């Protein structure tokens, strides 16, 4: 009798690369791993009042820096007021949402102020760019090296605890980014497993499709154990 197996959620090489990065952080940067927790878009983690001004952005920025243990000076500046349609030009989302600049004495992160209308997307953007600063000294040491840097930045944001925010932000943006939603869900599942966090702590902050990806990743992990 022929047995049928479900197709894996992601390829074996990609899965191994995700696991290798988790292992690298645990062994080479244990302090990063020790401080990582499941960050959710709630008042428990973000203390800024409502608002779309730069002062509010700076408060969110400081919350994320604290969560990541970022002590190096990193500047934050808004981009010029760009047309709304650029936020829907998915081929340019990484340019219009935020960028990390490290060609001066103090690294600079720029952001599109219109992104603050979508708090989860805004948090995700700032977290992604701050992970750039975290990884800058070790780009060549990470599994995959420099060629995988942007992909690794997405992954290491998940390893740092922003998996729920990243999954939901990609759904809201309508654009997957560097990682696919499937690979994000697999990485978030690995994070939850290694941190012994119940999946029920993640699901309330995910809309239907991201929640479905996480359920698939959880089920896939159970099958291969």
N, C-alpha and C. Protein backbone atom coordinates (compact mmCIF):
# COMPACT_ATOMS: atom_id res chain seq x y z
N UNK A 1 0.84 -1.18 0.00
CA UNK A 1 0.00 0.00 0.00
C UNK A 1 0.89 1.25 0.00
N UNK A 2 0.58 2.19 -0.85
CA UNK A 2 1.36 3.41 -0.95
C UNK A 2 0.89 4.40 0.10
N UNK A 3 1.85 4.99 0.80
CA UNK A 3 1.53 5.98 1.82
C UNK A 3 1.74 7.37 1.26
N UNK A 4 0.83 8.26 1.53
CA UNK A 4 0.93 9.64 1.08
C UNK A 4 1.33 10.53 2.26
N UNK A 5 2.26 11.41 2.01
CA UNK A 5 2.67 12.37 3.02
C UNK A 5 2.32 13.78 2.55
N UNK A 6 1.96 14.60 3.48
CA UNK A 6 1.69 15.98 3.14
C UNK A 6 2.99 16.68 2.73
N UNK A 7 2.88 17.58 1.77
CA UNK A 7 4.04 18.35 1.35
C UNK A 7 4.50 19.24 2.51
N UNK A 8 5.82 19.24 2.78
CA UNK A 8 6.32 20.11 3.86
C UNK A 8 5.96 21.56 3.61
N UNK A 9 5.79 22.30 4.69
CA UNK A 9 5.39 23.70 4.56
C UNK A 9 6.46 24.52 3.86
N UNK A 10 7.73 24.22 4.14
CA UNK A 10 8.85 24.89 3.47
C UNK A 10 9.89 23.84 3.11
N UNK A 11 10.83 24.20 2.24
CA UNK A 11 11.85 23.27 1.81
C UNK A 11 12.82 22.92 2.94
N UNK A 12 13.50 21.79 2.77
CA UNK A 12 14.41 21.30 3.80
C UNK A 12 15.58 22.26 4.03
N UNK A 13 16.14 22.81 2.95
CA UNK A 13 17.28 23.71 3.11
C UNK A 13 16.89 24.96 3.89
N UNK A 14 15.72 25.53 3.57
CA UNK A 14 15.26 26.72 4.28
C UNK A 14 14.99 26.40 5.75
N UNK A 15 14.38 25.25 5.98
CA UNK A 15 14.10 24.84 7.36
C UNK A 15 15.40 24.69 8.14
N UNK A 16 16.39 24.04 7.54
CA UNK A 16 17.67 23.85 8.22
C UNK A 16 18.34 25.19 8.52
N UNK A 17 18.22 26.13 7.58
CA UNK A 17 18.82 27.45 7.79
C UNK A 17 18.15 28.17 8.96
N UNK A 18 16.84 28.06 9.08
CA UNK A 18 16.12 28.66 10.21
C UNK A 18 16.62 28.05 11.52
N UNK A 19 16.70 26.73 11.57
CA UNK A 19 17.15 26.05 12.79
C UNK A 19 18.59 26.43 13.12
N UNK A 20 19.44 26.50 12.09
CA UNK A 20 20.84 26.86 12.31
C UNK A 20 20.97 28.26 12.92
N UNK A 21 20.11 29.19 12.51
CA UNK A 21 20.16 30.54 13.07
C UNK A 21 19.69 30.57 14.51
N UNK A 22 18.65 29.81 14.84
CA UNK A 22 18.25 29.69 16.23
C UNK A 22 19.40 29.14 17.07
N UNK A 23 20.03 28.06 16.56
CA UNK A 23 21.14 27.44 17.29
C UNK A 23 22.30 28.43 17.46
N UNK A 24 22.57 29.23 16.40
CA UNK A 24 23.67 30.19 16.46
C UNK A 24 23.42 31.22 17.57
N UNK A 25 22.21 31.74 17.63
CA UNK A 25 21.90 32.73 18.66
C UNK A 25 22.04 32.12 20.05
N UNK A 26 21.51 30.92 20.23
CA UNK A 26 21.57 30.30 21.55
C UNK A 26 23.01 30.06 21.99
N UNK A 27 23.90 29.67 21.06
CA UNK A 27 25.27 29.34 21.43
C UNK A 27 26.21 30.54 21.41
N UNK A 28 26.03 31.45 20.43
CA UNK A 28 26.97 32.55 20.24
C UNK A 28 26.52 33.86 20.87
N UNK A 29 25.23 34.05 21.02
CA UNK A 29 24.69 35.27 21.64
C UNK A 29 23.62 34.89 22.66
N UNK A 30 23.99 34.16 23.70
CA UNK A 30 22.99 33.69 24.67
C UNK A 30 22.23 34.83 25.35
N UNK A 31 22.87 35.98 25.48
CA UNK A 31 22.16 37.12 26.10
C UNK A 31 20.97 37.55 25.25
N UNK A 32 21.14 37.53 23.91
CA UNK A 32 20.01 37.86 23.03
C UNK A 32 18.86 36.90 23.28
N UNK A 33 19.21 35.62 23.36
CA UNK A 33 18.17 34.60 23.51
C UNK A 33 17.50 34.71 24.88
N UNK A 34 18.28 34.98 25.91
CA UNK A 34 17.73 35.06 27.26
C UNK A 34 16.71 36.19 27.38
N UNK A 35 16.94 37.31 26.69
CA UNK A 35 16.02 38.44 26.82
C UNK A 35 14.82 38.36 25.89
N UNK A 36 14.84 37.43 24.94
CA UNK A 36 13.76 37.34 23.95
C UNK A 36 12.47 36.82 24.60
N UNK A 37 11.38 37.50 24.35
CA UNK A 37 10.06 37.05 24.76
C UNK A 37 9.08 37.33 23.65
N UNK A 38 7.91 36.73 23.74
CA UNK A 38 6.91 36.92 22.70
C UNK A 38 6.32 38.32 22.81
N UNK A 39 6.73 39.20 21.91
CA UNK A 39 6.26 40.58 21.93
C UNK A 39 4.91 40.66 21.24
N UNK A 40 3.97 41.28 21.91
CA UNK A 40 2.62 41.44 21.36
C UNK A 40 2.26 42.93 21.31
N UNK A 41 1.39 43.31 20.40
CA UNK A 41 1.05 44.74 20.24
C UNK A 41 0.07 45.21 21.31
N UNK A 42 0.53 45.25 22.54
CA UNK A 42 -0.33 45.62 23.66
C UNK A 42 0.38 46.66 24.53
N UNK A 43 -0.36 47.25 25.46
CA UNK A 43 0.19 48.24 26.38
C UNK A 43 1.26 47.64 27.30
N UNK A 44 1.26 46.34 27.44
CA UNK A 44 2.29 45.70 28.24
C UNK A 44 3.68 45.94 27.64
N UNK A 45 3.72 46.06 26.30
CA UNK A 45 5.01 46.17 25.62
C UNK A 45 5.25 47.55 25.01
N UNK A 46 4.19 48.29 24.72
CA UNK A 46 4.34 49.58 24.05
C UNK A 46 3.56 50.64 24.82
N UNK A 47 4.26 51.67 25.25
CA UNK A 47 3.70 52.61 26.20
C UNK A 47 3.35 53.97 25.60
N UNK A 48 3.60 54.13 24.29
CA UNK A 48 3.31 55.42 23.66
C UNK A 48 1.81 55.67 23.61
N UNK A 49 1.37 56.91 23.85
CA UNK A 49 -0.04 57.24 23.66
C UNK A 49 -0.36 57.25 22.17
N UNK A 50 -1.61 57.31 21.83
CA UNK A 50 -1.99 57.40 20.43
C UNK A 50 -1.45 58.67 19.80
N UNK A 51 -1.11 58.59 18.54
CA UNK A 51 -0.60 59.77 17.85
C UNK A 51 0.25 59.37 16.66
N UNK A 52 0.45 60.32 15.76
CA UNK A 52 1.20 60.05 14.53
C UNK A 52 2.38 60.99 14.38
N UNK A 53 2.78 61.62 15.48
CA UNK A 53 3.89 62.56 15.37
C UNK A 53 5.22 61.88 15.70
N UNK A 54 6.32 62.62 15.47
CA UNK A 54 7.64 62.04 15.66
C UNK A 54 7.90 61.71 17.12
N UNK A 55 7.36 62.48 18.03
CA UNK A 55 7.54 62.21 19.45
C UNK A 55 6.96 60.83 19.81
N UNK A 56 5.80 60.51 19.23
CA UNK A 56 5.21 59.19 19.45
C UNK A 56 6.09 58.10 18.85
N UNK A 57 6.59 58.35 17.64
CA UNK A 57 7.48 57.39 16.99
C UNK A 57 8.70 57.11 17.86
N UNK A 58 9.26 58.15 18.46
CA UNK A 58 10.44 57.98 19.30
C UNK A 58 10.12 57.12 20.54
N UNK A 59 8.92 57.27 21.09
CA UNK A 59 8.54 56.45 22.24
C UNK A 59 8.44 54.98 21.86
N UNK A 60 7.86 54.69 20.70
CA UNK A 60 7.79 53.30 20.21
C UNK A 60 9.20 52.78 19.97
N UNK A 61 10.03 53.61 19.37
CA UNK A 61 11.42 53.25 19.09
C UNK A 61 12.16 52.89 20.38
N UNK A 62 11.96 53.66 21.42
CA UNK A 62 12.63 53.39 22.69
C UNK A 62 12.13 52.10 23.32
N UNK A 63 10.82 51.81 23.17
CA UNK A 63 10.30 50.54 23.67
C UNK A 63 11.00 49.36 22.99
N UNK A 64 11.14 49.43 21.67
CA UNK A 64 11.76 48.33 20.93
C UNK A 64 13.23 48.22 21.27
N UNK A 65 13.91 49.34 21.39
CA UNK A 65 15.33 49.31 21.80
C UNK A 65 15.48 48.63 23.16
N UNK A 66 14.58 48.94 24.08
CA UNK A 66 14.65 48.32 25.39
C UNK A 66 14.40 46.81 25.30
N UNK A 67 13.42 46.41 24.50
CA UNK A 67 13.13 44.99 24.34
C UNK A 67 14.30 44.23 23.74
N UNK A 68 15.04 44.88 22.85
CA UNK A 68 16.19 44.25 22.20
C UNK A 68 17.48 44.42 22.99
N UNK A 69 17.45 45.23 24.03
CA UNK A 69 18.67 45.50 24.76
C UNK A 69 19.66 46.34 23.97
N UNK A 70 19.16 47.17 23.06
CA UNK A 70 20.01 48.01 22.23
C UNK A 70 20.54 49.18 23.03
N UNK A 71 21.86 49.24 23.17
CA UNK A 71 22.47 50.33 23.93
C UNK A 71 23.26 51.29 23.04
N UNK A 72 23.60 50.87 21.82
CA UNK A 72 24.36 51.75 20.95
C UNK A 72 23.47 52.89 20.48
N UNK A 73 24.04 54.07 20.24
CA UNK A 73 23.23 55.18 19.70
C UNK A 73 22.72 54.84 18.29
N UNK A 74 21.43 54.98 18.09
CA UNK A 74 20.81 54.83 16.77
C UNK A 74 19.80 55.96 16.63
N UNK A 75 19.94 56.75 15.57
CA UNK A 75 19.04 57.89 15.36
C UNK A 75 17.80 57.45 14.58
N UNK A 76 16.71 58.16 14.79
CA UNK A 76 15.45 57.90 14.08
C UNK A 76 14.95 59.20 13.49
N UNK A 77 14.66 59.18 12.19
CA UNK A 77 14.16 60.38 11.52
C UNK A 77 13.04 60.02 10.56
N UNK A 78 12.02 60.87 10.45
CA UNK A 78 10.95 60.62 9.47
C UNK A 78 11.41 60.96 8.06
N UNK A 79 10.90 60.22 7.11
CA UNK A 79 11.10 60.56 5.71
C UNK A 79 10.19 61.73 5.33
N UNK A 80 10.45 62.38 4.21
CA UNK A 80 9.50 63.39 3.73
C UNK A 80 8.12 62.78 3.55
N UNK A 81 7.11 63.61 3.62
CA UNK A 81 5.72 63.14 3.51
C UNK A 81 5.47 62.61 2.11
N UNK A 82 5.42 61.28 1.99
CA UNK A 82 5.29 60.63 0.68
C UNK A 82 3.82 60.38 0.35
N UNK A 83 3.48 60.29 -0.95
CA UNK A 83 2.09 60.01 -1.34
C UNK A 83 1.63 58.65 -0.83
N UNK A 84 0.35 58.55 -0.51
CA UNK A 84 -0.20 57.29 0.00
C UNK A 84 0.05 56.13 -0.96
N UNK A 85 0.01 56.37 -2.26
CA UNK A 85 0.11 55.26 -3.20
C UNK A 85 1.44 54.54 -3.11
N UNK A 86 2.48 55.21 -2.60
CA UNK A 86 3.77 54.54 -2.49
C UNK A 86 3.73 53.44 -1.45
N UNK A 87 2.86 53.57 -0.45
CA UNK A 87 2.72 52.51 0.54
C UNK A 87 2.08 51.27 -0.05
N UNK A 88 1.52 51.38 -1.24
CA UNK A 88 0.89 50.23 -1.89
C UNK A 88 1.66 49.79 -3.12
N UNK A 89 2.87 50.34 -3.29
CA UNK A 89 3.77 49.88 -4.35
C UNK A 89 4.63 48.79 -3.73
N UNK A 90 4.14 47.55 -3.81
CA UNK A 90 4.76 46.46 -3.07
C UNK A 90 6.20 46.19 -3.50
N UNK A 91 6.58 46.58 -4.71
CA UNK A 91 7.95 46.37 -5.14
C UNK A 91 8.89 47.33 -4.45
N UNK A 92 8.34 48.38 -3.80
CA UNK A 92 9.18 49.37 -3.13
C UNK A 92 8.87 49.48 -1.64
N UNK A 93 8.18 48.48 -1.08
CA UNK A 93 7.75 48.58 0.30
C UNK A 93 8.92 48.77 1.26
N UNK A 94 10.06 48.06 1.04
CA UNK A 94 11.18 48.19 1.95
C UNK A 94 11.77 49.59 1.91
N UNK A 95 11.67 50.27 0.76
CA UNK A 95 12.19 51.63 0.65
C UNK A 95 11.24 52.64 1.29
N UNK A 96 9.94 52.46 1.12
CA UNK A 96 8.99 53.46 1.58
C UNK A 96 8.62 53.28 3.05
N UNK A 97 8.76 52.07 3.61
CA UNK A 97 8.40 51.85 5.01
C UNK A 97 9.51 52.32 5.94
N UNK A 98 10.73 51.90 5.69
CA UNK A 98 11.85 52.29 6.54
C UNK A 98 13.15 51.78 5.98
N UNK A 99 14.24 52.41 6.37
CA UNK A 99 15.57 52.00 5.94
C UNK A 99 16.58 52.21 7.06
N UNK A 100 17.62 51.38 7.01
CA UNK A 100 18.72 51.46 7.96
C UNK A 100 19.95 51.98 7.23
N UNK A 101 20.57 53.01 7.79
CA UNK A 101 21.75 53.63 7.20
C UNK A 101 22.90 53.53 8.19
N UNK A 102 24.01 52.94 7.77
CA UNK A 102 25.15 52.75 8.67
C UNK A 102 26.43 53.28 8.04
N UNK A 103 26.34 54.44 7.39
CA UNK A 103 27.51 55.01 6.73
C UNK A 103 27.98 56.28 7.45
N UNK A 104 27.64 56.40 8.73
CA UNK A 104 28.06 57.55 9.53
C UNK A 104 28.42 57.06 10.92
N UNK A 105 28.88 57.97 11.78
CA UNK A 105 29.29 57.58 13.12
C UNK A 105 28.12 56.99 13.91
N UNK A 106 26.95 57.59 13.75
CA UNK A 106 25.74 57.07 14.41
C UNK A 106 24.80 56.50 13.37
N UNK A 107 24.47 55.20 13.43
CA UNK A 107 23.51 54.64 12.47
C UNK A 107 22.19 55.39 12.51
N UNK A 108 21.51 55.42 11.36
CA UNK A 108 20.25 56.15 11.22
C UNK A 108 19.17 55.23 10.66
N UNK A 109 18.00 55.30 11.27
CA UNK A 109 16.82 54.61 10.74
C UNK A 109 15.83 55.68 10.30
N UNK A 110 15.34 55.56 9.08
CA UNK A 110 14.32 56.46 8.58
C UNK A 110 13.01 55.70 8.42
N UNK A 111 11.90 56.40 8.55
CA UNK A 111 10.59 55.76 8.45
C UNK A 111 9.60 56.69 7.76
N UNK A 112 8.59 56.09 7.17
CA UNK A 112 7.51 56.86 6.55
C UNK A 112 6.45 57.16 7.61
N UNK A 113 6.21 58.42 7.92
CA UNK A 113 5.24 58.75 8.98
C UNK A 113 3.84 58.18 8.73
N UNK A 114 3.45 58.02 7.46
CA UNK A 114 2.12 57.48 7.18
C UNK A 114 1.97 56.05 7.70
N UNK A 115 3.09 55.36 7.88
CA UNK A 115 3.03 53.98 8.38
C UNK A 115 2.50 53.93 9.81
N UNK A 116 2.56 55.04 10.52
CA UNK A 116 2.09 55.05 11.90
C UNK A 116 0.58 54.89 12.00
N UNK A 117 -0.13 55.04 10.88
CA UNK A 117 -1.57 54.77 10.88
C UNK A 117 -1.85 53.29 11.13
N UNK A 118 -0.84 52.44 10.84
CA UNK A 118 -0.97 50.99 11.02
C UNK A 118 0.07 50.57 12.07
N UNK A 119 -0.27 50.63 13.35
CA UNK A 119 0.73 50.44 14.41
C UNK A 119 1.52 49.14 14.32
N UNK A 120 0.87 48.04 13.96
CA UNK A 120 1.60 46.77 13.88
C UNK A 120 2.65 46.82 12.78
N UNK A 121 2.29 47.40 11.63
CA UNK A 121 3.26 47.55 10.55
C UNK A 121 4.39 48.47 10.96
N UNK A 122 4.08 49.52 11.70
CA UNK A 122 5.10 50.46 12.13
C UNK A 122 6.07 49.80 13.11
N UNK A 123 5.54 49.09 14.09
CA UNK A 123 6.39 48.38 15.04
C UNK A 123 7.28 47.39 14.30
N UNK A 124 6.70 46.65 13.37
CA UNK A 124 7.47 45.67 12.61
C UNK A 124 8.61 46.32 11.85
N UNK A 125 8.32 47.48 11.24
CA UNK A 125 9.36 48.18 10.47
C UNK A 125 10.51 48.61 11.37
N UNK A 126 10.20 49.22 12.50
CA UNK A 126 11.26 49.66 13.40
C UNK A 126 12.04 48.48 13.97
N UNK A 127 11.35 47.39 14.30
CA UNK A 127 12.05 46.21 14.82
C UNK A 127 13.00 45.65 13.77
N UNK A 128 12.52 45.56 12.52
CA UNK A 128 13.36 45.05 11.44
C UNK A 128 14.62 45.90 11.28
N UNK A 129 14.46 47.20 11.29
CA UNK A 129 15.61 48.07 11.09
C UNK A 129 16.57 48.04 12.29
N UNK A 130 16.05 47.91 13.49
CA UNK A 130 16.93 47.79 14.65
C UNK A 130 17.67 46.45 14.67
N UNK A 131 17.05 45.41 14.12
CA UNK A 131 17.76 44.14 13.99
C UNK A 131 18.93 44.29 13.03
N UNK A 132 18.79 45.14 12.00
CA UNK A 132 19.94 45.45 11.15
C UNK A 132 21.12 45.92 11.99
N UNK A 133 20.85 46.84 12.93
CA UNK A 133 21.92 47.35 13.79
C UNK A 133 22.50 46.25 14.66
N UNK A 134 21.65 45.37 15.18
CA UNK A 134 22.13 44.27 16.01
C UNK A 134 23.04 43.33 15.23
N UNK A 135 22.66 43.04 13.99
CA UNK A 135 23.39 42.03 13.21
C UNK A 135 24.59 42.59 12.47
N UNK A 136 24.68 43.91 12.35
CA UNK A 136 25.75 44.51 11.54
C UNK A 136 27.14 43.97 11.86
N UNK A 137 27.51 43.78 13.13
CA UNK A 137 28.86 43.30 13.41
C UNK A 137 29.08 41.81 13.13
N UNK A 138 28.00 41.05 12.91
CA UNK A 138 28.14 39.59 12.78
C UNK A 138 27.57 39.05 11.47
N UNK A 139 27.37 39.92 10.49
CA UNK A 139 26.74 39.51 9.22
C UNK A 139 27.43 38.29 8.63
N UNK A 140 28.77 38.31 8.59
CA UNK A 140 29.50 37.22 7.95
C UNK A 140 29.55 35.96 8.80
N UNK A 141 29.24 36.08 10.09
CA UNK A 141 29.31 34.92 10.98
C UNK A 141 28.02 34.11 11.01
N UNK A 142 26.93 34.71 10.60
CA UNK A 142 25.64 34.04 10.67
C UNK A 142 25.54 32.92 9.63
N UNK A 143 24.74 31.89 9.90
CA UNK A 143 24.48 30.89 8.88
C UNK A 143 23.94 31.54 7.60
N UNK A 144 24.57 31.27 6.48
CA UNK A 144 24.19 31.89 5.22
C UNK A 144 25.03 33.09 4.86
N UNK A 145 25.66 33.71 5.86
CA UNK A 145 26.57 34.82 5.61
C UNK A 145 25.89 36.05 5.02
N UNK A 146 26.71 36.92 4.44
CA UNK A 146 26.22 38.20 3.91
C UNK A 146 25.14 38.06 2.84
N UNK A 147 25.21 37.06 1.93
CA UNK A 147 24.16 36.95 0.90
C UNK A 147 22.76 36.79 1.47
N UNK A 148 22.65 36.25 2.68
CA UNK A 148 21.33 36.02 3.29
C UNK A 148 20.97 37.10 4.29
N UNK A 149 21.64 38.26 4.23
CA UNK A 149 21.50 39.25 5.30
C UNK A 149 20.07 39.77 5.47
N UNK A 150 19.41 40.18 4.38
CA UNK A 150 18.06 40.72 4.53
C UNK A 150 17.09 39.64 5.02
N UNK A 151 17.23 38.44 4.48
CA UNK A 151 16.41 37.33 4.94
C UNK A 151 16.68 37.05 6.42
N UNK A 152 17.97 37.10 6.80
CA UNK A 152 18.34 36.86 8.19
C UNK A 152 17.79 37.94 9.11
N UNK A 153 17.67 39.17 8.61
CA UNK A 153 17.14 40.25 9.44
C UNK A 153 15.69 39.97 9.80
N UNK A 154 14.90 39.54 8.82
CA UNK A 154 13.52 39.13 9.12
C UNK A 154 13.51 38.00 10.14
N UNK A 155 14.33 36.98 9.90
CA UNK A 155 14.34 35.82 10.79
C UNK A 155 14.77 36.20 12.20
N UNK A 156 15.81 37.01 12.32
CA UNK A 156 16.30 37.35 13.66
C UNK A 156 15.34 38.26 14.42
N UNK A 157 14.48 38.98 13.71
CA UNK A 157 13.41 39.69 14.41
C UNK A 157 12.45 38.69 15.06
N UNK A 158 12.19 37.59 14.37
CA UNK A 158 11.34 36.54 14.94
C UNK A 158 12.04 35.88 16.13
N UNK A 159 13.34 35.59 15.96
CA UNK A 159 14.11 34.99 17.05
C UNK A 159 14.14 35.92 18.26
N UNK A 160 14.09 37.22 18.02
CA UNK A 160 14.08 38.20 19.10
C UNK A 160 12.70 38.38 19.73
N UNK A 161 11.67 37.74 19.16
CA UNK A 161 10.35 37.78 19.77
C UNK A 161 9.26 38.45 18.98
N UNK A 162 9.56 38.92 17.75
CA UNK A 162 8.58 39.70 16.99
C UNK A 162 7.85 38.87 15.92
N UNK A 163 7.76 37.57 16.12
CA UNK A 163 7.12 36.71 15.13
C UNK A 163 5.65 37.00 14.91
N UNK A 164 4.90 37.20 15.98
CA UNK A 164 3.47 37.52 15.85
C UNK A 164 3.30 38.84 15.12
N UNK A 165 4.08 39.83 15.51
CA UNK A 165 3.98 41.15 14.88
C UNK A 165 4.37 41.07 13.42
N UNK A 166 5.42 40.31 13.10
CA UNK A 166 5.85 40.23 11.71
C UNK A 166 4.84 39.50 10.83
N UNK A 167 4.29 38.40 11.31
CA UNK A 167 3.26 37.68 10.55
C UNK A 167 2.06 38.58 10.26
N UNK A 168 1.59 39.27 11.29
CA UNK A 168 0.41 40.10 11.12
C UNK A 168 0.71 41.33 10.26
N UNK A 169 1.89 41.91 10.42
CA UNK A 169 2.26 43.09 9.63
C UNK A 169 2.34 42.76 8.14
N UNK A 170 2.89 41.60 7.81
CA UNK A 170 2.97 41.20 6.41
C UNK A 170 1.58 41.01 5.82
N UNK A 171 0.67 40.47 6.60
CA UNK A 171 -0.72 40.31 6.15
C UNK A 171 -1.36 41.68 5.91
N UNK A 172 -1.17 42.61 6.83
CA UNK A 172 -1.76 43.93 6.67
C UNK A 172 -1.17 44.68 5.48
N UNK A 173 0.11 44.45 5.22
CA UNK A 173 0.77 45.13 4.11
C UNK A 173 0.40 44.52 2.76
N UNK A 174 -0.06 43.27 2.77
CA UNK A 174 -0.34 42.59 1.52
C UNK A 174 0.93 42.27 0.75
N UNK A 175 2.03 42.15 1.48
CA UNK A 175 3.33 41.95 0.85
C UNK A 175 4.17 41.13 1.80
N UNK A 176 4.73 40.02 1.31
CA UNK A 176 5.39 39.08 2.21
C UNK A 176 6.70 39.60 2.77
N UNK A 177 7.43 40.39 2.00
CA UNK A 177 8.74 40.84 2.46
C UNK A 177 9.81 39.84 2.08
N UNK A 178 10.84 39.73 2.89
CA UNK A 178 11.97 38.86 2.55
C UNK A 178 11.67 37.41 2.83
N UNK A 179 11.02 37.12 3.95
CA UNK A 179 10.59 35.76 4.23
C UNK A 179 9.16 35.58 3.75
N UNK A 180 8.79 34.34 3.47
CA UNK A 180 7.41 34.04 3.14
C UNK A 180 6.62 33.88 4.45
N UNK A 181 5.30 33.93 4.33
CA UNK A 181 4.48 33.72 5.52
C UNK A 181 4.65 32.31 6.06
N UNK A 182 4.85 31.35 5.17
CA UNK A 182 5.06 29.97 5.62
C UNK A 182 6.34 29.86 6.44
N UNK A 183 7.43 30.47 5.96
CA UNK A 183 8.69 30.38 6.69
C UNK A 183 8.63 31.17 7.99
N UNK A 184 7.91 32.29 8.00
CA UNK A 184 7.71 33.02 9.26
C UNK A 184 6.98 32.15 10.28
N UNK A 185 5.94 31.47 9.83
CA UNK A 185 5.16 30.63 10.73
C UNK A 185 6.00 29.49 11.29
N UNK A 186 6.85 28.91 10.46
CA UNK A 186 7.75 27.85 10.93
C UNK A 186 8.71 28.42 11.97
N UNK A 187 9.27 29.60 11.70
CA UNK A 187 10.19 30.22 12.66
C UNK A 187 9.49 30.57 13.96
N UNK A 188 8.27 31.10 13.87
CA UNK A 188 7.52 31.43 15.08
C UNK A 188 7.22 30.16 15.88
N UNK A 189 6.87 29.09 15.20
CA UNK A 189 6.63 27.81 15.87
C UNK A 189 7.87 27.33 16.60
N UNK A 190 9.03 27.47 15.97
CA UNK A 190 10.28 27.08 16.62
C UNK A 190 10.54 27.95 17.85
N UNK A 191 10.26 29.24 17.73
CA UNK A 191 10.43 30.15 18.86
C UNK A 191 9.53 29.73 20.02
N UNK A 192 8.26 29.49 19.74
CA UNK A 192 7.32 29.10 20.79
C UNK A 192 7.77 27.80 21.45
N UNK A 193 8.24 26.86 20.65
CA UNK A 193 8.67 25.57 21.20
C UNK A 193 9.89 25.76 22.12
N UNK A 194 10.88 26.48 21.64
CA UNK A 194 12.12 26.62 22.42
C UNK A 194 11.92 27.44 23.68
N UNK A 195 10.98 28.36 23.64
CA UNK A 195 10.69 29.19 24.81
C UNK A 195 9.58 28.60 25.69
N UNK A 196 9.04 27.46 25.28
CA UNK A 196 7.95 26.82 26.02
C UNK A 196 6.77 27.77 26.23
N UNK A 197 6.41 28.46 25.15
CA UNK A 197 5.28 29.39 25.16
C UNK A 197 4.09 28.72 24.48
N UNK A 198 2.94 28.78 25.09
CA UNK A 198 1.75 28.17 24.51
C UNK A 198 1.32 28.93 23.26
N UNK A 199 0.99 28.23 22.17
CA UNK A 199 0.50 28.90 20.97
C UNK A 199 -0.69 29.80 21.23
N UNK A 200 -1.49 29.46 22.24
CA UNK A 200 -2.66 30.29 22.56
C UNK A 200 -2.27 31.70 22.96
N UNK A 201 -1.01 31.91 23.33
CA UNK A 201 -0.55 33.26 23.64
C UNK A 201 -0.34 34.09 22.38
N UNK A 202 -0.23 33.42 21.24
CA UNK A 202 0.01 34.12 19.97
C UNK A 202 -1.26 34.34 19.17
N UNK A 203 -2.15 33.38 19.17
CA UNK A 203 -3.31 33.42 18.27
C UNK A 203 -4.22 34.64 18.42
N UNK A 204 -4.45 35.18 19.63
CA UNK A 204 -5.36 36.33 19.72
C UNK A 204 -4.90 37.56 18.96
N UNK A 205 -3.63 37.61 18.57
CA UNK A 205 -3.09 38.80 17.91
C UNK A 205 -2.86 38.58 16.42
N UNK A 206 -3.37 37.46 15.90
CA UNK A 206 -3.24 37.15 14.49
C UNK A 206 -4.61 37.11 13.83
N UNK A 207 -4.73 37.71 12.66
CA UNK A 207 -5.97 37.61 11.90
C UNK A 207 -6.04 36.24 11.22
N UNK A 208 -7.08 36.02 10.44
CA UNK A 208 -7.40 34.67 9.97
C UNK A 208 -6.26 33.98 9.21
N UNK A 209 -5.71 34.65 8.20
CA UNK A 209 -4.70 33.97 7.39
C UNK A 209 -3.38 33.74 8.12
N UNK A 210 -2.84 34.73 8.84
CA UNK A 210 -1.64 34.43 9.63
C UNK A 210 -1.86 33.33 10.67
N UNK A 211 -3.04 33.32 11.29
CA UNK A 211 -3.34 32.27 12.25
C UNK A 211 -3.37 30.90 11.57
N UNK A 212 -3.89 30.87 10.35
CA UNK A 212 -3.91 29.61 9.60
C UNK A 212 -2.50 29.12 9.29
N UNK A 213 -1.60 30.05 8.91
CA UNK A 213 -0.21 29.66 8.67
C UNK A 213 0.42 29.10 9.95
N UNK A 214 0.15 29.72 11.08
CA UNK A 214 0.74 29.23 12.32
C UNK A 214 0.18 27.84 12.67
N UNK A 215 -1.09 27.62 12.47
CA UNK A 215 -1.66 26.29 12.74
C UNK A 215 -1.00 25.24 11.86
N UNK A 216 -0.79 25.57 10.59
CA UNK A 216 -0.14 24.63 9.68
C UNK A 216 1.28 24.33 10.13
N UNK A 217 2.00 25.36 10.57
CA UNK A 217 3.37 25.15 11.02
C UNK A 217 3.42 24.31 12.29
N UNK A 218 2.50 24.56 13.20
CA UNK A 218 2.44 23.77 14.42
C UNK A 218 2.14 22.30 14.11
N UNK A 219 1.20 22.08 13.20
CA UNK A 219 0.85 20.71 12.82
C UNK A 219 2.02 20.03 12.12
N UNK A 220 2.72 20.78 11.27
CA UNK A 220 3.86 20.22 10.54
C UNK A 220 4.96 19.81 11.51
N UNK A 221 5.18 20.62 12.52
CA UNK A 221 6.23 20.29 13.49
C UNK A 221 5.89 19.02 14.25
N UNK A 222 4.63 18.84 14.59
CA UNK A 222 4.22 17.62 15.29
C UNK A 222 4.44 16.38 14.42
N UNK A 223 4.21 16.52 13.10
CA UNK A 223 4.35 15.36 12.19
C UNK A 223 5.79 14.90 12.09
N UNK A 224 6.75 15.84 12.15
CA UNK A 224 8.14 15.47 11.93
C UNK A 224 8.87 15.13 13.21
N UNK A 225 8.23 15.26 14.35
CA UNK A 225 8.89 14.93 15.63
C UNK A 225 9.10 13.44 15.75
